[in-house]
């Protein structure tokens, strides 16, 4: 199958910030509604334990992704207090600020 290079509109300079924020918030709500990452939390928790790590770095965080949910699942299901560093070329600052307040940093 030939590779198709599709554009992600929220990753180009000319895309309006308001639309970009809406898209990242939509992705975030969809991930949470279907608990997309739940099957991977046990595997990720095992990797964190084996590497003795408590910090994860989320590349291309957009609107914070599932990080708050993952932190909760790590703590509740696996007894791990994990911190997350969010990064993005075009961050959704209001979403970053909201998650910062909810998680106290």
N, C-alpha and C. Protein backbone atom coordinates (compact mmCIF):
# COMPACT_ATOMS: atom_id res chain seq x y z
N UNK A 1 0.84 -1.17 0.00
CA UNK A 1 0.00 0.00 0.00
C UNK A 1 0.89 1.24 0.00
N UNK A 2 0.58 2.18 -0.85
CA UNK A 2 1.35 3.41 -0.93
C UNK A 2 1.03 4.32 0.27
N UNK A 3 2.05 4.94 0.79
CA UNK A 3 1.91 5.84 1.93
C UNK A 3 1.21 7.12 1.49
N UNK A 4 0.28 7.58 2.31
CA UNK A 4 -0.41 8.84 2.07
C UNK A 4 0.02 9.82 3.15
N UNK A 5 0.54 10.95 2.74
CA UNK A 5 0.94 11.97 3.72
C UNK A 5 -0.24 12.91 3.94
N UNK A 6 -0.98 12.66 5.00
CA UNK A 6 -2.15 13.48 5.32
C UNK A 6 -1.72 14.62 6.24
N UNK A 7 -2.36 15.74 6.09
CA UNK A 7 -2.03 16.91 6.90
C UNK A 7 -2.87 16.91 8.18
N UNK A 8 -2.25 17.28 9.28
CA UNK A 8 -2.98 17.51 10.52
C UNK A 8 -3.13 19.02 10.63
N UNK A 9 -4.32 19.50 10.40
CA UNK A 9 -4.53 20.94 10.35
C UNK A 9 -4.08 21.66 11.61
N UNK A 10 -4.27 21.05 12.76
CA UNK A 10 -3.89 21.74 13.99
C UNK A 10 -2.37 21.85 14.18
N UNK A 11 -1.61 21.27 13.27
CA UNK A 11 -0.15 21.34 13.36
C UNK A 11 0.50 22.28 12.35
N UNK A 12 -0.31 23.09 11.68
CA UNK A 12 0.26 24.06 10.73
C UNK A 12 0.07 25.48 11.26
N UNK A 13 1.03 26.35 10.95
CA UNK A 13 1.04 27.71 11.49
C UNK A 13 -0.22 28.50 11.19
N UNK A 14 -0.78 28.35 10.00
CA UNK A 14 -1.88 29.19 9.57
C UNK A 14 -3.24 28.78 10.14
N UNK A 15 -3.31 27.64 10.83
CA UNK A 15 -4.59 27.18 11.36
C UNK A 15 -4.97 28.02 12.58
N UNK A 16 -6.21 28.54 12.66
CA UNK A 16 -6.61 29.41 13.77
C UNK A 16 -6.51 28.72 15.14
N UNK A 17 -5.97 29.44 16.11
CA UNK A 17 -5.77 28.89 17.45
C UNK A 17 -7.09 28.41 18.07
N UNK A 18 -8.17 29.15 17.89
CA UNK A 18 -9.45 28.74 18.46
C UNK A 18 -9.92 27.40 17.90
N UNK A 19 -9.75 27.21 16.60
CA UNK A 19 -10.13 25.94 15.98
C UNK A 19 -9.20 24.82 16.45
N UNK A 20 -7.93 25.15 16.60
CA UNK A 20 -6.94 24.17 17.08
C UNK A 20 -7.32 23.71 18.49
N UNK A 21 -7.66 24.67 19.36
CA UNK A 21 -8.05 24.34 20.72
C UNK A 21 -9.31 23.47 20.73
N UNK A 22 -10.28 23.82 19.89
CA UNK A 22 -11.50 23.02 19.81
C UNK A 22 -11.18 21.58 19.42
N UNK A 23 -10.33 21.42 18.43
CA UNK A 23 -9.99 20.07 17.96
C UNK A 23 -9.29 19.26 19.05
N UNK A 24 -8.33 19.88 19.75
CA UNK A 24 -7.63 19.12 20.79
C UNK A 24 -8.57 18.79 21.95
N UNK A 25 -9.50 19.69 22.27
CA UNK A 25 -10.48 19.39 23.32
C UNK A 25 -11.42 18.27 22.89
N UNK A 26 -11.78 18.26 21.61
CA UNK A 26 -12.63 17.18 21.08
C UNK A 26 -11.90 15.84 21.18
N UNK A 27 -10.65 15.79 20.75
CA UNK A 27 -9.86 14.56 20.84
C UNK A 27 -9.79 14.09 22.29
N UNK A 28 -9.53 15.04 23.19
CA UNK A 28 -9.42 14.74 24.61
C UNK A 28 -10.72 14.11 25.13
N UNK A 29 -11.85 14.72 24.82
CA UNK A 29 -13.13 14.19 25.32
C UNK A 29 -13.42 12.80 24.74
N UNK A 30 -13.06 12.57 23.49
CA UNK A 30 -13.28 11.26 22.88
C UNK A 30 -12.40 10.19 23.52
N UNK A 31 -11.15 10.53 23.80
CA UNK A 31 -10.26 9.56 24.45
C UNK A 31 -10.78 9.18 25.82
N UNK A 32 -11.28 10.18 26.56
CA UNK A 32 -11.80 9.91 27.90
C UNK A 32 -13.10 9.12 27.85
N UNK A 33 -13.95 9.40 26.88
CA UNK A 33 -15.26 8.74 26.83
C UNK A 33 -15.14 7.25 26.54
N UNK A 34 -14.12 6.84 25.83
CA UNK A 34 -13.95 5.41 25.54
C UNK A 34 -12.81 4.79 26.34
N UNK A 35 -12.20 5.58 27.22
CA UNK A 35 -11.10 5.10 28.07
C UNK A 35 -10.05 4.38 27.23
N UNK A 36 -9.63 5.06 26.18
CA UNK A 36 -8.74 4.50 25.17
C UNK A 36 -7.45 3.90 25.72
N UNK A 37 -6.88 4.54 26.74
CA UNK A 37 -5.56 4.11 27.22
C UNK A 37 -5.62 3.12 28.37
N UNK A 38 -6.79 2.81 28.89
CA UNK A 38 -6.90 1.92 30.04
C UNK A 38 -6.19 0.59 29.83
N UNK A 39 -6.32 -0.05 28.67
CA UNK A 39 -5.63 -1.33 28.50
C UNK A 39 -4.10 -1.23 28.61
N UNK A 40 -3.54 -0.06 28.39
CA UNK A 40 -2.09 0.10 28.41
C UNK A 40 -1.54 0.51 29.77
N UNK A 41 -2.39 0.88 30.72
CA UNK A 41 -1.87 1.40 31.98
C UNK A 41 -1.05 0.37 32.76
N UNK A 42 -1.46 -0.88 32.75
CA UNK A 42 -0.69 -1.91 33.47
C UNK A 42 0.70 -2.06 32.86
N UNK A 43 0.78 -2.07 31.54
CA UNK A 43 2.06 -2.18 30.85
C UNK A 43 2.94 -0.96 31.15
N UNK A 44 2.35 0.23 31.06
CA UNK A 44 3.11 1.45 31.34
C UNK A 44 3.55 1.50 32.80
N UNK A 45 2.69 1.08 33.71
CA UNK A 45 3.05 1.05 35.13
C UNK A 45 4.23 0.10 35.36
N UNK A 46 4.22 -1.03 34.69
CA UNK A 46 5.32 -2.00 34.80
C UNK A 46 6.63 -1.39 34.31
N UNK A 47 6.57 -0.68 33.19
CA UNK A 47 7.77 -0.02 32.65
C UNK A 47 8.27 1.05 33.62
N UNK A 48 7.36 1.84 34.17
CA UNK A 48 7.77 2.87 35.13
C UNK A 48 8.44 2.25 36.35
N UNK A 49 7.89 1.16 36.86
CA UNK A 49 8.51 0.49 38.02
C UNK A 49 9.89 -0.06 37.68
N UNK A 50 9.98 -0.75 36.54
CA UNK A 50 11.26 -1.37 36.16
C UNK A 50 12.35 -0.35 35.90
N UNK A 51 11.98 0.83 35.43
CA UNK A 51 12.96 1.88 35.15
C UNK A 51 13.09 2.88 36.29
N UNK A 52 12.32 2.64 37.36
CA UNK A 52 12.35 3.51 38.54
C UNK A 52 12.08 4.97 38.17
N UNK A 53 11.08 5.18 37.33
CA UNK A 53 10.73 6.53 36.87
C UNK A 53 9.40 6.98 37.47
N UNK A 54 9.30 8.28 37.73
CA UNK A 54 8.04 8.86 38.21
C UNK A 54 7.61 10.04 37.33
N UNK A 55 8.34 10.30 36.26
CA UNK A 55 8.01 11.40 35.35
C UNK A 55 7.83 10.85 33.95
N UNK A 56 6.74 11.23 33.32
CA UNK A 56 6.54 10.90 31.91
C UNK A 56 6.51 12.21 31.13
N UNK A 57 6.96 12.18 29.90
CA UNK A 57 6.95 13.36 29.04
C UNK A 57 6.00 13.07 27.89
N UNK A 58 4.97 13.89 27.78
CA UNK A 58 3.99 13.74 26.71
C UNK A 58 4.37 14.67 25.57
N UNK A 59 4.87 14.09 24.50
CA UNK A 59 5.22 14.86 23.31
C UNK A 59 3.95 15.11 22.51
N UNK A 60 3.79 16.33 22.03
CA UNK A 60 2.59 16.69 21.26
C UNK A 60 1.33 16.53 22.10
N UNK A 61 1.35 17.15 23.26
CA UNK A 61 0.24 17.04 24.21
C UNK A 61 -1.05 17.65 23.73
N UNK A 62 -0.97 18.66 22.87
CA UNK A 62 -2.18 19.31 22.37
C UNK A 62 -3.00 19.90 23.49
N UNK A 63 -4.11 19.28 23.81
CA UNK A 63 -4.99 19.75 24.87
C UNK A 63 -4.89 18.92 26.12
N UNK A 64 -3.78 18.34 26.39
CA UNK A 64 -3.38 17.55 27.57
C UNK A 64 -3.67 16.07 27.44
N UNK A 65 -4.41 15.67 26.44
CA UNK A 65 -4.63 14.25 26.21
C UNK A 65 -5.22 13.55 27.41
N UNK A 66 -4.88 12.29 27.62
CA UNK A 66 -5.47 11.50 28.70
C UNK A 66 -4.66 11.55 29.99
N UNK A 67 -3.78 12.52 30.12
CA UNK A 67 -2.82 12.48 31.22
C UNK A 67 -3.43 12.50 32.61
N UNK A 68 -4.48 13.30 32.82
CA UNK A 68 -5.09 13.33 34.14
C UNK A 68 -5.70 11.97 34.48
N UNK A 69 -6.35 11.36 33.52
CA UNK A 69 -6.92 10.03 33.73
C UNK A 69 -5.83 9.00 33.99
N UNK A 70 -4.75 9.05 33.20
CA UNK A 70 -3.65 8.11 33.40
C UNK A 70 -3.03 8.27 34.78
N UNK A 71 -2.82 9.52 35.21
CA UNK A 71 -2.26 9.74 36.54
C UNK A 71 -3.15 9.11 37.60
N UNK A 72 -4.45 9.30 37.46
CA UNK A 72 -5.40 8.72 38.42
C UNK A 72 -5.33 7.19 38.40
N UNK A 73 -5.30 6.61 37.21
CA UNK A 73 -5.23 5.14 37.10
C UNK A 73 -3.92 4.59 37.65
N UNK A 74 -2.81 5.28 37.38
CA UNK A 74 -1.53 4.84 37.94
C UNK A 74 -1.59 4.82 39.46
N UNK A 75 -2.17 5.87 40.04
CA UNK A 75 -2.23 5.99 41.50
C UNK A 75 -3.20 4.96 42.08
N UNK A 76 -4.42 4.91 41.54
CA UNK A 76 -5.46 4.05 42.09
C UNK A 76 -5.20 2.57 41.84
N UNK A 77 -4.84 2.21 40.63
CA UNK A 77 -4.71 0.80 40.27
C UNK A 77 -3.32 0.21 40.51
N UNK A 78 -2.29 1.08 40.53
CA UNK A 78 -0.92 0.57 40.59
C UNK A 78 -0.08 1.20 41.70
N UNK A 79 -0.66 2.12 42.48
CA UNK A 79 0.06 2.73 43.59
C UNK A 79 1.23 3.60 43.17
N UNK A 80 1.18 4.16 41.96
CA UNK A 80 2.27 4.99 41.46
C UNK A 80 1.85 6.46 41.40
N UNK A 81 2.67 7.33 41.97
CA UNK A 81 2.46 8.77 41.86
C UNK A 81 3.33 9.26 40.71
N UNK A 82 2.72 9.50 39.58
CA UNK A 82 3.44 9.86 38.36
C UNK A 82 3.18 11.31 38.00
N UNK A 83 4.25 12.03 37.70
CA UNK A 83 4.13 13.40 37.20
C UNK A 83 4.25 13.38 35.69
N UNK A 84 3.62 14.36 35.05
CA UNK A 84 3.61 14.42 33.59
C UNK A 84 4.10 15.79 33.14
N UNK A 85 5.01 15.81 32.18
CA UNK A 85 5.45 17.05 31.55
C UNK A 85 4.79 17.12 30.18
N UNK A 86 4.02 18.19 29.96
CA UNK A 86 3.31 18.38 28.70
C UNK A 86 4.15 19.22 27.75
N UNK A 87 4.20 18.84 26.48
CA UNK A 87 4.92 19.62 25.46
C UNK A 87 4.09 19.66 24.19
N UNK A 88 4.18 20.75 23.44
CA UNK A 88 3.50 20.84 22.16
C UNK A 88 4.00 22.06 21.40
N UNK A 89 4.06 21.97 20.09
CA UNK A 89 4.45 23.10 19.25
C UNK A 89 3.40 24.20 19.33
N UNK A 90 2.13 23.81 19.35
CA UNK A 90 1.01 24.75 19.45
C UNK A 90 0.13 24.33 20.63
N UNK A 91 0.57 24.57 21.85
CA UNK A 91 -0.18 24.09 23.01
C UNK A 91 -1.52 24.79 23.17
N UNK A 92 -2.47 24.06 23.70
CA UNK A 92 -3.77 24.61 24.06
C UNK A 92 -3.59 25.15 25.49
N UNK A 93 -3.15 26.40 25.59
CA UNK A 93 -2.80 26.99 26.89
C UNK A 93 -3.96 26.92 27.89
N UNK A 94 -5.20 27.27 27.51
CA UNK A 94 -6.28 27.14 28.49
C UNK A 94 -6.43 25.71 29.03
N UNK A 95 -6.27 24.72 28.18
CA UNK A 95 -6.35 23.32 28.64
C UNK A 95 -5.19 22.99 29.57
N UNK A 96 -3.98 23.46 29.23
CA UNK A 96 -2.81 23.23 30.08
C UNK A 96 -3.05 23.87 31.45
N UNK A 97 -3.58 25.10 31.47
CA UNK A 97 -3.83 25.80 32.74
C UNK A 97 -4.89 25.07 33.57
N UNK A 98 -5.93 24.58 32.91
CA UNK A 98 -6.99 23.85 33.61
C UNK A 98 -6.43 22.59 34.26
N UNK A 99 -5.66 21.82 33.51
CA UNK A 99 -5.10 20.58 34.06
C UNK A 99 -4.10 20.89 35.18
N UNK A 100 -3.38 22.00 35.05
CA UNK A 100 -2.44 22.41 36.10
C UNK A 100 -3.19 22.68 37.40
N UNK A 101 -4.32 23.38 37.32
CA UNK A 101 -5.11 23.67 38.52
C UNK A 101 -5.72 22.40 39.10
N UNK A 102 -6.24 21.53 38.25
CA UNK A 102 -6.89 20.30 38.72
C UNK A 102 -5.91 19.36 39.40
N UNK A 103 -4.68 19.31 38.89
CA UNK A 103 -3.70 18.37 39.43
C UNK A 103 -2.72 19.04 40.38
N UNK A 104 -2.89 20.32 40.62
CA UNK A 104 -2.00 21.11 41.48
C UNK A 104 -0.55 21.02 41.00
N UNK A 105 -0.39 21.15 39.70
CA UNK A 105 0.96 21.22 39.15
C UNK A 105 1.33 20.04 38.37
